[in-house]
Amino acid sequence: MAEVARRVYADALFEAALEENALTEVKAELRELEGLLRQTPEFLTMLSSPALTPDEKRGILQRTLEGKISPYLYNFLRILSDKGRTPLFFEIAEEFYALCRRHDGILLVTASTAVPLSDSQKARLTEKLCALTGKKVELQCSVDPALLGGVVLRYEGSEMDGSVRQRLDTLRRRLTSTIA
C-alpha cells in the first residue's frame, strides 16, 4: 500500500512540475526541503500526529512554509498532510528523484568500496560507467570496510561485485570443491 502511495504522490509532483516547466526548480527545492526535514524530523511527526486537526496542521504549514517554498511544494506538503501521508515524505522524494533521472536519461549507480574514493577516482569511475552504459551516470558512493578492497556496483537491479571479499569467497569455494 505504501509503495503505491509513494509512486502516486511522486508521479503527481513530477507531472505538475514537468507540465509547468519547473522540474529543475522543484527538484532543487525538494532537496533543500528534504535536508531541512532530516534536521528537524519532529516537524513531519507533528504533521502526522492524530492529536492535531487537519486545520491545525494547515495552519502550521501556512505559518512556517507558505511563501518560503514554491507553490508546487507547498501544495504538495498540504496534500500529504491532509491525506495523512507525511510519514512517506522521504520515500516519495526518492521516487520523485528516480522519475527525474529517468526523464533526463540518468542512470543511478551505487558504488560501495572499503575506503572512500577520491574525487579523481569518482570522476574516472563515472567516465568509465558512462562509456560502458551509454548513459549519463549519477554516482552515489558508500563505504563498507567488510569489502576489504575493490568495488561493488549496483544499478537497475544489477550488481557487479569486484570486491576482494568476493574474490576470496570464490577462491575458498574453489579450494573447498577441489579438496572435497
N, C-alpha and C. Protein backbone atom coordinates (compact mmCIF):
# COMPACT_ATOMS: atom_id res chain seq x y z
N MET A 1 0.82 -1.20 0.00
CA MET A 1 0.00 0.00 0.00
C MET A 1 0.86 1.26 0.00
N ALA A 2 1.88 1.30 0.88
CA ALA A 2 2.75 2.48 0.96
C ALA A 2 3.52 2.68 -0.34
N GLU A 3 3.90 1.57 -0.99
CA GLU A 3 4.64 1.68 -2.24
C GLU A 3 3.79 2.32 -3.33
N VAL A 4 2.52 1.95 -3.39
CA VAL A 4 1.61 2.54 -4.37
C VAL A 4 1.43 4.02 -4.08
N ALA A 5 1.22 4.37 -2.82
CA ALA A 5 1.04 5.77 -2.44
C ALA A 5 2.28 6.57 -2.78
N ARG A 6 3.45 6.00 -2.50
CA ARG A 6 4.71 6.69 -2.81
C ARG A 6 4.79 7.03 -4.29
N ARG A 7 4.46 6.05 -5.12
CA ARG A 7 4.51 6.27 -6.58
C ARG A 7 3.48 7.30 -7.03
N VAL A 8 2.27 7.21 -6.50
CA VAL A 8 1.19 8.12 -6.91
C VAL A 8 1.55 9.56 -6.59
N TYR A 9 2.02 9.82 -5.37
CA TYR A 9 2.34 11.19 -4.96
C TYR A 9 3.58 11.71 -5.69
N ALA A 10 4.59 10.87 -5.86
CA ALA A 10 5.79 11.29 -6.58
C ALA A 10 5.45 11.61 -8.03
N ASP A 11 4.62 10.76 -8.63
CA ASP A 11 4.22 10.98 -10.02
C ASP A 11 3.41 12.26 -10.16
N ALA A 12 2.54 12.53 -9.22
CA ALA A 12 1.73 13.76 -9.27
C ALA A 12 2.62 14.99 -9.19
N LEU A 13 3.60 15.00 -8.28
CA LEU A 13 4.51 16.13 -8.15
C LEU A 13 5.35 16.26 -9.41
N PHE A 14 5.84 15.15 -9.93
CA PHE A 14 6.66 15.16 -11.14
C PHE A 14 5.88 15.72 -12.33
N GLU A 15 4.68 15.21 -12.52
CA GLU A 15 3.86 15.66 -13.66
C GLU A 15 3.52 17.15 -13.55
N ALA A 16 3.19 17.61 -12.35
CA ALA A 16 2.87 19.03 -12.17
C ALA A 16 4.08 19.90 -12.48
N ALA A 17 5.24 19.50 -11.98
CA ALA A 17 6.47 20.27 -12.23
C ALA A 17 6.85 20.24 -13.70
N LEU A 18 6.69 19.08 -14.33
CA LEU A 18 7.02 18.94 -15.74
C LEU A 18 6.08 19.79 -16.60
N GLU A 19 4.80 19.73 -16.28
CA GLU A 19 3.79 20.49 -17.02
C GLU A 19 4.05 22.00 -16.94
N GLU A 20 4.53 22.45 -15.81
CA GLU A 20 4.78 23.89 -15.61
C GLU A 20 6.22 24.26 -15.96
N ASN A 21 6.97 23.31 -16.52
CA ASN A 21 8.36 23.54 -16.90
C ASN A 21 9.20 24.00 -15.70
N ALA A 22 8.95 23.41 -14.55
CA ALA A 22 9.63 23.80 -13.31
C ALA A 22 10.33 22.62 -12.65
N LEU A 23 10.67 21.61 -13.44
CA LEU A 23 11.24 20.40 -12.88
C LEU A 23 12.57 20.66 -12.16
N THR A 24 13.44 21.42 -12.77
CA THR A 24 14.74 21.72 -12.16
C THR A 24 14.57 22.47 -10.86
N GLU A 25 13.70 23.47 -10.87
CA GLU A 25 13.44 24.28 -9.67
C GLU A 25 12.85 23.43 -8.55
N VAL A 26 11.86 22.62 -8.87
CA VAL A 26 11.20 21.81 -7.86
C VAL A 26 12.17 20.76 -7.29
N LYS A 27 12.97 20.16 -8.16
CA LYS A 27 13.93 19.16 -7.70
C LYS A 27 14.94 19.79 -6.73
N ALA A 28 15.48 20.93 -7.07
CA ALA A 28 16.45 21.60 -6.20
C ALA A 28 15.81 22.01 -4.88
N GLU A 29 14.61 22.53 -4.95
CA GLU A 29 13.92 22.97 -3.74
C GLU A 29 13.53 21.78 -2.86
N LEU A 30 13.15 20.68 -3.49
CA LEU A 30 12.80 19.47 -2.73
C LEU A 30 14.03 18.94 -2.00
N ARG A 31 15.19 19.00 -2.63
CA ARG A 31 16.43 18.56 -1.96
C ARG A 31 16.72 19.44 -0.73
N GLU A 32 16.52 20.74 -0.87
CA GLU A 32 16.72 21.65 0.26
C GLU A 32 15.73 21.34 1.38
N LEU A 33 14.48 21.19 1.01
CA LEU A 33 13.44 20.90 2.00
C LEU A 33 13.71 19.56 2.67
N GLU A 34 14.14 18.59 1.90
CA GLU A 34 14.46 17.28 2.45
C GLU A 34 15.58 17.41 3.49
N GLY A 35 16.59 18.19 3.18
CA GLY A 35 17.69 18.40 4.13
C GLY A 35 17.20 19.04 5.42
N LEU A 36 16.34 20.03 5.29
CA LEU A 36 15.79 20.69 6.48
C LEU A 36 14.95 19.72 7.31
N LEU A 37 14.14 18.92 6.65
CA LEU A 37 13.27 17.98 7.36
C LEU A 37 14.05 16.83 7.99
N ARG A 38 15.20 16.49 7.43
CA ARG A 38 16.05 15.48 8.07
C ARG A 38 16.67 16.05 9.34
N GLN A 39 16.93 17.36 9.35
CA GLN A 39 17.48 18.00 10.55
C GLN A 39 16.43 18.19 11.64
N THR A 40 15.17 18.32 11.22
CA THR A 40 14.08 18.51 12.19
C THR A 40 12.96 17.51 11.90
N PRO A 41 13.19 16.22 12.16
CA PRO A 41 12.19 15.20 11.85
C PRO A 41 10.90 15.37 12.65
N GLU A 42 10.97 16.09 13.75
CA GLU A 42 9.76 16.28 14.54
C GLU A 42 8.70 17.11 13.79
N PHE A 43 9.11 17.87 12.79
CA PHE A 43 8.14 18.64 12.00
C PHE A 43 7.19 17.69 11.27
N LEU A 44 7.74 16.67 10.61
CA LEU A 44 6.88 15.69 9.92
C LEU A 44 6.09 14.86 10.92
N THR A 45 6.70 14.57 12.05
CA THR A 45 5.98 13.82 13.09
C THR A 45 4.76 14.61 13.56
N MET A 46 4.95 15.91 13.72
CA MET A 46 3.86 16.78 14.16
C MET A 46 2.74 16.79 13.10
N LEU A 47 3.15 16.85 11.82
CA LEU A 47 2.14 16.89 10.75
C LEU A 47 1.39 15.57 10.60
N SER A 48 1.94 14.51 11.15
CA SER A 48 1.24 13.22 11.06
C SER A 48 0.56 12.85 12.38
N SER A 49 0.61 13.75 13.33
CA SER A 49 0.04 13.47 14.65
C SER A 49 -1.49 13.49 14.61
N PRO A 50 -2.13 12.46 15.16
CA PRO A 50 -3.59 12.45 15.23
C PRO A 50 -4.11 13.44 16.29
N ALA A 51 -3.23 13.98 17.11
CA ALA A 51 -3.64 14.93 18.14
C ALA A 51 -3.99 16.30 17.55
N LEU A 52 -3.51 16.56 16.31
CA LEU A 52 -3.81 17.83 15.65
C LEU A 52 -4.89 17.64 14.60
N THR A 53 -5.76 18.63 14.49
CA THR A 53 -6.80 18.58 13.46
C THR A 53 -6.17 18.96 12.12
N PRO A 54 -6.82 18.59 11.03
CA PRO A 54 -6.32 19.00 9.72
C PRO A 54 -6.15 20.52 9.60
N ASP A 55 -7.08 21.28 10.18
CA ASP A 55 -6.96 22.75 10.13
C ASP A 55 -5.73 23.23 10.90
N GLU A 56 -5.43 22.61 12.03
CA GLU A 56 -4.24 23.00 12.79
C GLU A 56 -2.96 22.68 12.00
N LYS A 57 -2.96 21.56 11.33
CA LYS A 57 -1.80 21.18 10.51
C LYS A 57 -1.63 22.15 9.34
N ARG A 58 -2.74 22.52 8.70
CA ARG A 58 -2.67 23.50 7.61
C ARG A 58 -2.14 24.84 8.12
N GLY A 59 -2.57 25.22 9.30
CA GLY A 59 -2.10 26.47 9.91
C GLY A 59 -0.60 26.43 10.17
N ILE A 60 -0.12 25.32 10.64
CA ILE A 60 1.33 25.16 10.88
C ILE A 60 2.09 25.28 9.57
N LEU A 61 1.61 24.59 8.55
CA LEU A 61 2.25 24.68 7.24
C LEU A 61 2.24 26.11 6.71
N GLN A 62 1.10 26.76 6.87
CA GLN A 62 0.96 28.12 6.36
C GLN A 62 1.94 29.06 7.07
N ARG A 63 2.01 28.98 8.40
CA ARG A 63 2.88 29.87 9.16
C ARG A 63 4.37 29.60 8.91
N THR A 64 4.71 28.34 8.69
CA THR A 64 6.13 28.01 8.57
C THR A 64 6.66 28.00 7.13
N LEU A 65 5.83 27.65 6.16
CA LEU A 65 6.35 27.44 4.82
C LEU A 65 5.74 28.27 3.69
N GLU A 66 4.51 28.74 3.85
CA GLU A 66 3.87 29.46 2.76
C GLU A 66 4.68 30.69 2.39
N GLY A 67 4.98 30.82 1.10
CA GLY A 67 5.75 31.95 0.62
C GLY A 67 7.25 31.73 0.72
N LYS A 68 7.67 30.70 1.42
CA LYS A 68 9.10 30.42 1.58
C LYS A 68 9.55 29.30 0.64
N ILE A 69 8.59 28.53 0.15
CA ILE A 69 8.88 27.49 -0.84
C ILE A 69 7.92 27.68 -2.00
N SER A 70 8.22 27.03 -3.11
CA SER A 70 7.38 27.19 -4.29
C SER A 70 5.96 26.69 -4.01
N PRO A 71 5.00 27.24 -4.72
CA PRO A 71 3.62 26.78 -4.53
C PRO A 71 3.46 25.29 -4.80
N TYR A 72 4.28 24.73 -5.71
CA TYR A 72 4.19 23.29 -6.00
C TYR A 72 4.48 22.47 -4.75
N LEU A 73 5.59 22.81 -4.09
CA LEU A 73 5.97 22.05 -2.91
C LEU A 73 5.06 22.35 -1.72
N TYR A 74 4.64 23.59 -1.60
CA TYR A 74 3.74 23.93 -0.51
C TYR A 74 2.44 23.14 -0.63
N ASN A 75 1.84 23.15 -1.82
CA ASN A 75 0.60 22.40 -2.03
C ASN A 75 0.82 20.89 -1.89
N PHE A 76 1.98 20.42 -2.34
CA PHE A 76 2.33 19.02 -2.19
C PHE A 76 2.34 18.62 -0.71
N LEU A 77 2.98 19.43 0.13
CA LEU A 77 3.01 19.14 1.57
C LEU A 77 1.63 19.24 2.19
N ARG A 78 0.84 20.20 1.74
CA ARG A 78 -0.54 20.31 2.26
C ARG A 78 -1.33 19.04 1.95
N ILE A 79 -1.19 18.56 0.72
CA ILE A 79 -1.91 17.34 0.33
C ILE A 79 -1.42 16.14 1.14
N LEU A 80 -0.09 16.03 1.29
CA LEU A 80 0.45 14.92 2.09
C LEU A 80 -0.10 14.98 3.51
N SER A 81 -0.15 16.17 4.06
CA SER A 81 -0.66 16.35 5.43
C SER A 81 -2.14 16.01 5.50
N ASP A 82 -2.92 16.55 4.56
CA ASP A 82 -4.37 16.29 4.54
C ASP A 82 -4.69 14.80 4.41
N LYS A 83 -3.88 14.09 3.63
CA LYS A 83 -4.15 12.67 3.37
C LYS A 83 -3.42 11.74 4.34
N GLY A 84 -2.71 12.33 5.31
CA GLY A 84 -2.01 11.51 6.30
C GLY A 84 -0.80 10.78 5.73
N ARG A 85 -0.17 11.36 4.72
CA ARG A 85 0.96 10.71 4.06
C ARG A 85 2.31 11.34 4.38
N THR A 86 2.38 12.24 5.34
CA THR A 86 3.66 12.87 5.65
C THR A 86 4.73 11.87 6.10
N PRO A 87 4.37 10.74 6.74
CA PRO A 87 5.43 9.78 7.08
C PRO A 87 6.15 9.21 5.85
N LEU A 88 5.53 9.33 4.68
CA LEU A 88 6.13 8.82 3.44
C LEU A 88 6.94 9.87 2.70
N PHE A 89 7.11 11.05 3.28
CA PHE A 89 7.76 12.16 2.58
C PHE A 89 9.09 11.76 1.95
N PHE A 90 10.00 11.16 2.71
CA PHE A 90 11.34 10.85 2.19
C PHE A 90 11.29 9.80 1.09
N GLU A 91 10.41 8.81 1.24
CA GLU A 91 10.28 7.79 0.20
C GLU A 91 9.68 8.39 -1.08
N ILE A 92 8.73 9.30 -0.92
CA ILE A 92 8.14 9.97 -2.08
C ILE A 92 9.19 10.82 -2.77
N ALA A 93 10.01 11.51 -1.99
CA ALA A 93 11.09 12.33 -2.57
C ALA A 93 12.04 11.45 -3.38
N GLU A 94 12.42 10.29 -2.85
CA GLU A 94 13.31 9.39 -3.59
C GLU A 94 12.69 8.92 -4.89
N GLU A 95 11.41 8.62 -4.85
CA GLU A 95 10.71 8.20 -6.07
C GLU A 95 10.65 9.35 -7.08
N PHE A 96 10.45 10.56 -6.59
CA PHE A 96 10.45 11.75 -7.45
C PHE A 96 11.81 11.90 -8.14
N TYR A 97 12.89 11.75 -7.38
CA TYR A 97 14.23 11.86 -7.97
C TYR A 97 14.46 10.78 -9.01
N ALA A 98 13.94 9.58 -8.76
CA ALA A 98 14.08 8.50 -9.74
C ALA A 98 13.34 8.85 -11.03
N LEU A 99 12.18 9.45 -10.91
CA LEU A 99 11.43 9.89 -12.10
C LEU A 99 12.22 10.96 -12.86
N CYS A 100 12.83 11.87 -12.14
CA CYS A 100 13.65 12.92 -12.77
C CYS A 100 14.84 12.32 -13.50
N ARG A 101 15.51 11.36 -12.86
CA ARG A 101 16.65 10.71 -13.52
C ARG A 101 16.21 9.99 -14.78
N ARG A 102 15.11 9.28 -14.70
CA ARG A 102 14.60 8.57 -15.87
C ARG A 102 14.28 9.55 -16.99
N HIS A 103 13.64 10.64 -16.64
CA HIS A 103 13.29 11.67 -17.62
C HIS A 103 14.54 12.25 -18.29
N ASP A 104 15.61 12.42 -17.50
CA ASP A 104 16.84 13.03 -18.00
C ASP A 104 17.83 12.01 -18.57
N GLY A 105 17.43 10.72 -18.56
CA GLY A 105 18.31 9.68 -19.10
C GLY A 105 19.53 9.43 -18.23
N ILE A 106 19.37 9.57 -16.93
CA ILE A 106 20.48 9.39 -16.00
C ILE A 106 20.34 8.05 -15.28
N LEU A 107 21.44 7.32 -15.21
CA LEU A 107 21.48 6.03 -14.53
C LEU A 107 22.10 6.24 -13.15
N LEU A 108 21.40 5.85 -12.11
CA LEU A 108 21.92 5.93 -10.75
C LEU A 108 22.73 4.68 -10.46
N VAL A 109 24.00 4.87 -10.11
CA VAL A 109 24.89 3.76 -9.79
C VAL A 109 25.40 3.98 -8.37
N THR A 110 25.29 2.94 -7.55
CA THR A 110 25.82 2.99 -6.19
C THR A 110 27.12 2.19 -6.18
N ALA A 111 28.18 2.84 -5.73
CA ALA A 111 29.48 2.19 -5.64
C ALA A 111 29.85 2.02 -4.17
N SER A 112 30.06 0.78 -3.74
CA SER A 112 30.49 0.50 -2.37
C SER A 112 31.95 0.10 -2.42
N THR A 113 32.76 0.75 -1.59
CA THR A 113 34.18 0.47 -1.52
C THR A 113 34.61 0.33 -0.07
N ALA A 114 35.78 -0.26 0.14
CA ALA A 114 36.29 -0.45 1.51
C ALA A 114 36.76 0.86 2.11
N VAL A 115 37.25 1.76 1.26
CA VAL A 115 37.71 3.09 1.70
C VAL A 115 37.06 4.13 0.80
N PRO A 116 36.94 5.36 1.27
CA PRO A 116 36.32 6.40 0.44
C PRO A 116 37.11 6.62 -0.86
N LEU A 117 36.37 6.86 -1.94
CA LEU A 117 37.00 7.16 -3.22
C LEU A 117 37.39 8.63 -3.25
N SER A 118 38.51 8.93 -3.88
CA SER A 118 38.91 10.32 -4.07
C SER A 118 38.05 10.92 -5.17
N ASP A 119 38.08 12.22 -5.29
CA ASP A 119 37.30 12.89 -6.35
C ASP A 119 37.76 12.43 -7.73
N SER A 120 39.05 12.25 -7.92
CA SER A 120 39.54 11.81 -9.23
C SER A 120 39.11 10.37 -9.52
N GLN A 121 39.09 9.51 -8.49
CA GLN A 121 38.62 8.14 -8.68
C GLN A 121 37.14 8.12 -9.03
N LYS A 122 36.36 8.97 -8.37
CA LYS A 122 34.93 9.07 -8.68
C LYS A 122 34.73 9.51 -10.12
N ALA A 123 35.51 10.51 -10.53
CA ALA A 123 35.39 11.03 -11.90
C ALA A 123 35.75 9.96 -12.92
N ARG A 124 36.84 9.22 -12.68
CA ARG A 124 37.25 8.16 -13.61
C ARG A 124 36.21 7.04 -13.66
N LEU A 125 35.70 6.66 -12.49
CA LEU A 125 34.69 5.61 -12.45
C LEU A 125 33.42 6.05 -13.18
N THR A 126 33.01 7.27 -12.96
CA THR A 126 31.82 7.81 -13.63
C THR A 126 32.03 7.81 -15.14
N GLU A 127 33.20 8.23 -15.57
CA GLU A 127 33.53 8.27 -17.00
C GLU A 127 33.46 6.87 -17.62
N LYS A 128 34.04 5.89 -16.94
CA LYS A 128 34.03 4.51 -17.45
C LYS A 128 32.61 3.96 -17.49
N LEU A 129 31.82 4.26 -16.47
CA LEU A 129 30.43 3.78 -16.44
C LEU A 129 29.60 4.43 -17.54
N CYS A 130 29.84 5.69 -17.81
CA CYS A 130 29.14 6.37 -18.92
C CYS A 130 29.47 5.68 -20.24
N ALA A 131 30.75 5.38 -20.45
CA ALA A 131 31.17 4.71 -21.68
C ALA A 131 30.58 3.30 -21.77
N LEU A 132 30.57 2.60 -20.64
CA LEU A 132 30.05 1.22 -20.60
C LEU A 132 28.55 1.16 -20.85
N THR A 133 27.79 2.07 -20.23
CA THR A 133 26.33 2.01 -20.31
C THR A 133 25.74 2.87 -21.43
N GLY A 134 26.50 3.83 -21.91
CA GLY A 134 25.98 4.74 -22.92
C GLY A 134 24.99 5.75 -22.35
N LYS A 135 24.99 5.91 -21.03
CA LYS A 135 24.07 6.84 -20.38
C LYS A 135 24.86 7.81 -19.50
N LYS A 136 24.19 8.89 -19.13
CA LYS A 136 24.74 9.76 -18.10
C LYS A 136 24.64 9.00 -16.79
N VAL A 137 25.63 9.13 -15.95
CA VAL A 137 25.66 8.37 -14.69
C VAL A 137 25.70 9.32 -13.50
N GLU A 138 24.84 9.03 -12.53
CA GLU A 138 24.89 9.71 -11.23
C GLU A 138 25.46 8.68 -10.27
N LEU A 139 26.64 8.98 -9.73
CA LEU A 139 27.33 8.04 -8.86
C LEU A 139 27.11 8.39 -7.40
N GLN A 140 26.63 7.42 -6.64
CA GLN A 140 26.50 7.57 -5.19
C GLN A 140 27.47 6.58 -4.57
N CYS A 141 28.31 7.08 -3.69
CA CYS A 141 29.35 6.24 -3.09
C CYS A 141 29.05 5.96 -1.62
N SER A 142 29.39 4.76 -1.20
CA SER A 142 29.28 4.40 0.21
C SER A 142 30.51 3.57 0.58
N VAL A 143 30.81 3.54 1.87
CA VAL A 143 31.97 2.81 2.36
C VAL A 143 31.51 1.59 3.14
N ASP A 144 32.10 0.44 2.82
CA ASP A 144 31.82 -0.81 3.52
C ASP A 144 33.16 -1.51 3.77
N PRO A 145 33.75 -1.31 4.95
CA PRO A 145 35.06 -1.88 5.25
C PRO A 145 35.11 -3.40 5.10
N ALA A 146 33.98 -4.08 5.18
CA ALA A 146 33.95 -5.54 5.05
C ALA A 146 34.35 -6.00 3.64
N LEU A 147 34.34 -5.10 2.67
CA LEU A 147 34.70 -5.47 1.30
C LEU A 147 36.20 -5.73 1.17
N LEU A 148 37.00 -5.20 2.09
CA LEU A 148 38.46 -5.34 2.12
C LEU A 148 39.16 -4.55 1.01
N GLY A 149 38.58 -4.45 -0.15
CA GLY A 149 39.15 -3.72 -1.28
C GLY A 149 38.26 -3.92 -2.48
N GLY A 150 38.56 -3.24 -3.59
CA GLY A 150 37.77 -3.36 -4.80
C GLY A 150 36.49 -2.53 -4.71
N VAL A 151 35.53 -2.88 -5.55
CA VAL A 151 34.29 -2.10 -5.61
C VAL A 151 33.11 -3.01 -5.96
N VAL A 152 31.96 -2.68 -5.39
CA VAL A 152 30.70 -3.34 -5.75
C VAL A 152 29.80 -2.26 -6.34
N LEU A 153 29.34 -2.49 -7.56
CA LEU A 153 28.47 -1.53 -8.25
C LEU A 153 27.06 -2.09 -8.33
N ARG A 154 26.08 -1.23 -8.02
CA ARG A 154 24.67 -1.63 -8.13
C ARG A 154 23.92 -0.60 -8.96
N TYR A 155 23.17 -1.10 -9.94
CA TYR A 155 22.33 -0.22 -10.75
C TYR A 155 21.25 -1.03 -11.43
N GLU A 156 20.08 -0.42 -11.52
CA GLU A 156 18.92 -1.03 -12.18
C GLU A 156 18.72 -2.50 -11.80
N GLY A 157 18.86 -2.81 -10.54
CA GLY A 157 18.64 -4.18 -10.08
C GLY A 157 19.78 -5.13 -10.35
N SER A 158 20.87 -4.65 -10.91
CA SER A 158 22.04 -5.49 -11.19
C SER A 158 23.15 -5.18 -10.20
N GLU A 159 24.05 -6.17 -10.05
CA GLU A 159 25.19 -5.97 -9.16
C GLU A 159 26.43 -6.53 -9.85
N MET A 160 27.49 -5.73 -9.82
CA MET A 160 28.79 -6.17 -10.32
C MET A 160 29.72 -6.14 -9.11
N ASP A 161 30.14 -7.32 -8.68
CA ASP A 161 30.95 -7.42 -7.47
C ASP A 161 32.41 -7.68 -7.83
N GLY A 162 33.22 -6.66 -7.69
CA GLY A 162 34.66 -6.76 -7.94
C GLY A 162 35.43 -6.55 -6.65
N SER A 163 34.82 -6.97 -5.54
CA SER A 163 35.45 -6.75 -4.24
C SER A 163 36.46 -7.85 -3.93
N VAL A 164 37.39 -7.53 -3.07
CA VAL A 164 38.36 -8.51 -2.61
C VAL A 164 37.64 -9.61 -1.83
N ARG A 165 36.63 -9.23 -1.05
CA ARG A 165 35.87 -10.22 -0.30
C ARG A 165 35.25 -11.26 -1.23
N GLN A 166 34.68 -10.81 -2.36
CA GLN A 166 34.07 -11.71 -3.33
C GLN A 166 35.13 -12.63 -3.94
N ARG A 167 36.28 -12.07 -4.26
CA ARG A 167 37.35 -12.88 -4.85
C ARG A 167 37.84 -13.94 -3.87
N LEU A 168 37.97 -13.57 -2.60
CA LEU A 168 38.39 -14.53 -1.58
C LEU A 168 37.33 -15.62 -1.39
N ASP A 169 36.05 -15.23 -1.40
CA ASP A 169 34.97 -16.21 -1.28
C ASP A 169 35.00 -17.19 -2.45
N THR A 170 35.24 -16.69 -3.66
CA THR A 170 35.31 -17.54 -4.85
C THR A 170 36.50 -18.49 -4.74
N LEU A 171 37.64 -17.98 -4.31
CA LEU A 171 38.83 -18.82 -4.14
C LEU A 171 38.58 -19.89 -3.09
N ARG A 172 37.94 -19.54 -1.97
CA ARG A 172 37.63 -20.50 -0.92
C ARG A 172 36.71 -21.61 -1.45
N ARG A 173 35.69 -21.24 -2.23
CA ARG A 173 34.78 -22.25 -2.79
C ARG A 173 35.53 -23.19 -3.73
N ARG A 174 36.42 -22.65 -4.56
CA ARG A 174 37.19 -23.48 -5.48
C ARG A 174 38.10 -24.45 -4.72
N LEU A 175 38.76 -23.92 -3.70
CA LEU A 175 39.65 -24.78 -2.92
C LEU A 175 38.86 -25.87 -2.19
N THR A 176 37.72 -25.49 -1.64
CA THR A 176 36.88 -26.44 -0.92
C THR A 176 36.38 -27.54 -1.88
N SER A 177 35.97 -27.16 -3.07
CA SER A 177 35.46 -28.16 -4.01
C SER A 177 36.59 -29.04 -4.55
N THR A 178 37.80 -28.51 -4.65
CA THR A 178 38.93 -29.29 -5.11
C THR A 178 39.36 -30.31 -4.07
N ILE A 179 39.34 -29.89 -2.81
CA ILE A 179 39.76 -30.75 -1.72
C ILE A 179 38.72 -31.81 -1.41
N ALA A 180 37.47 -31.47 -1.53
CA ALA A 180 36.38 -32.38 -1.14
C ALA A 180 36.19 -33.52 -2.06
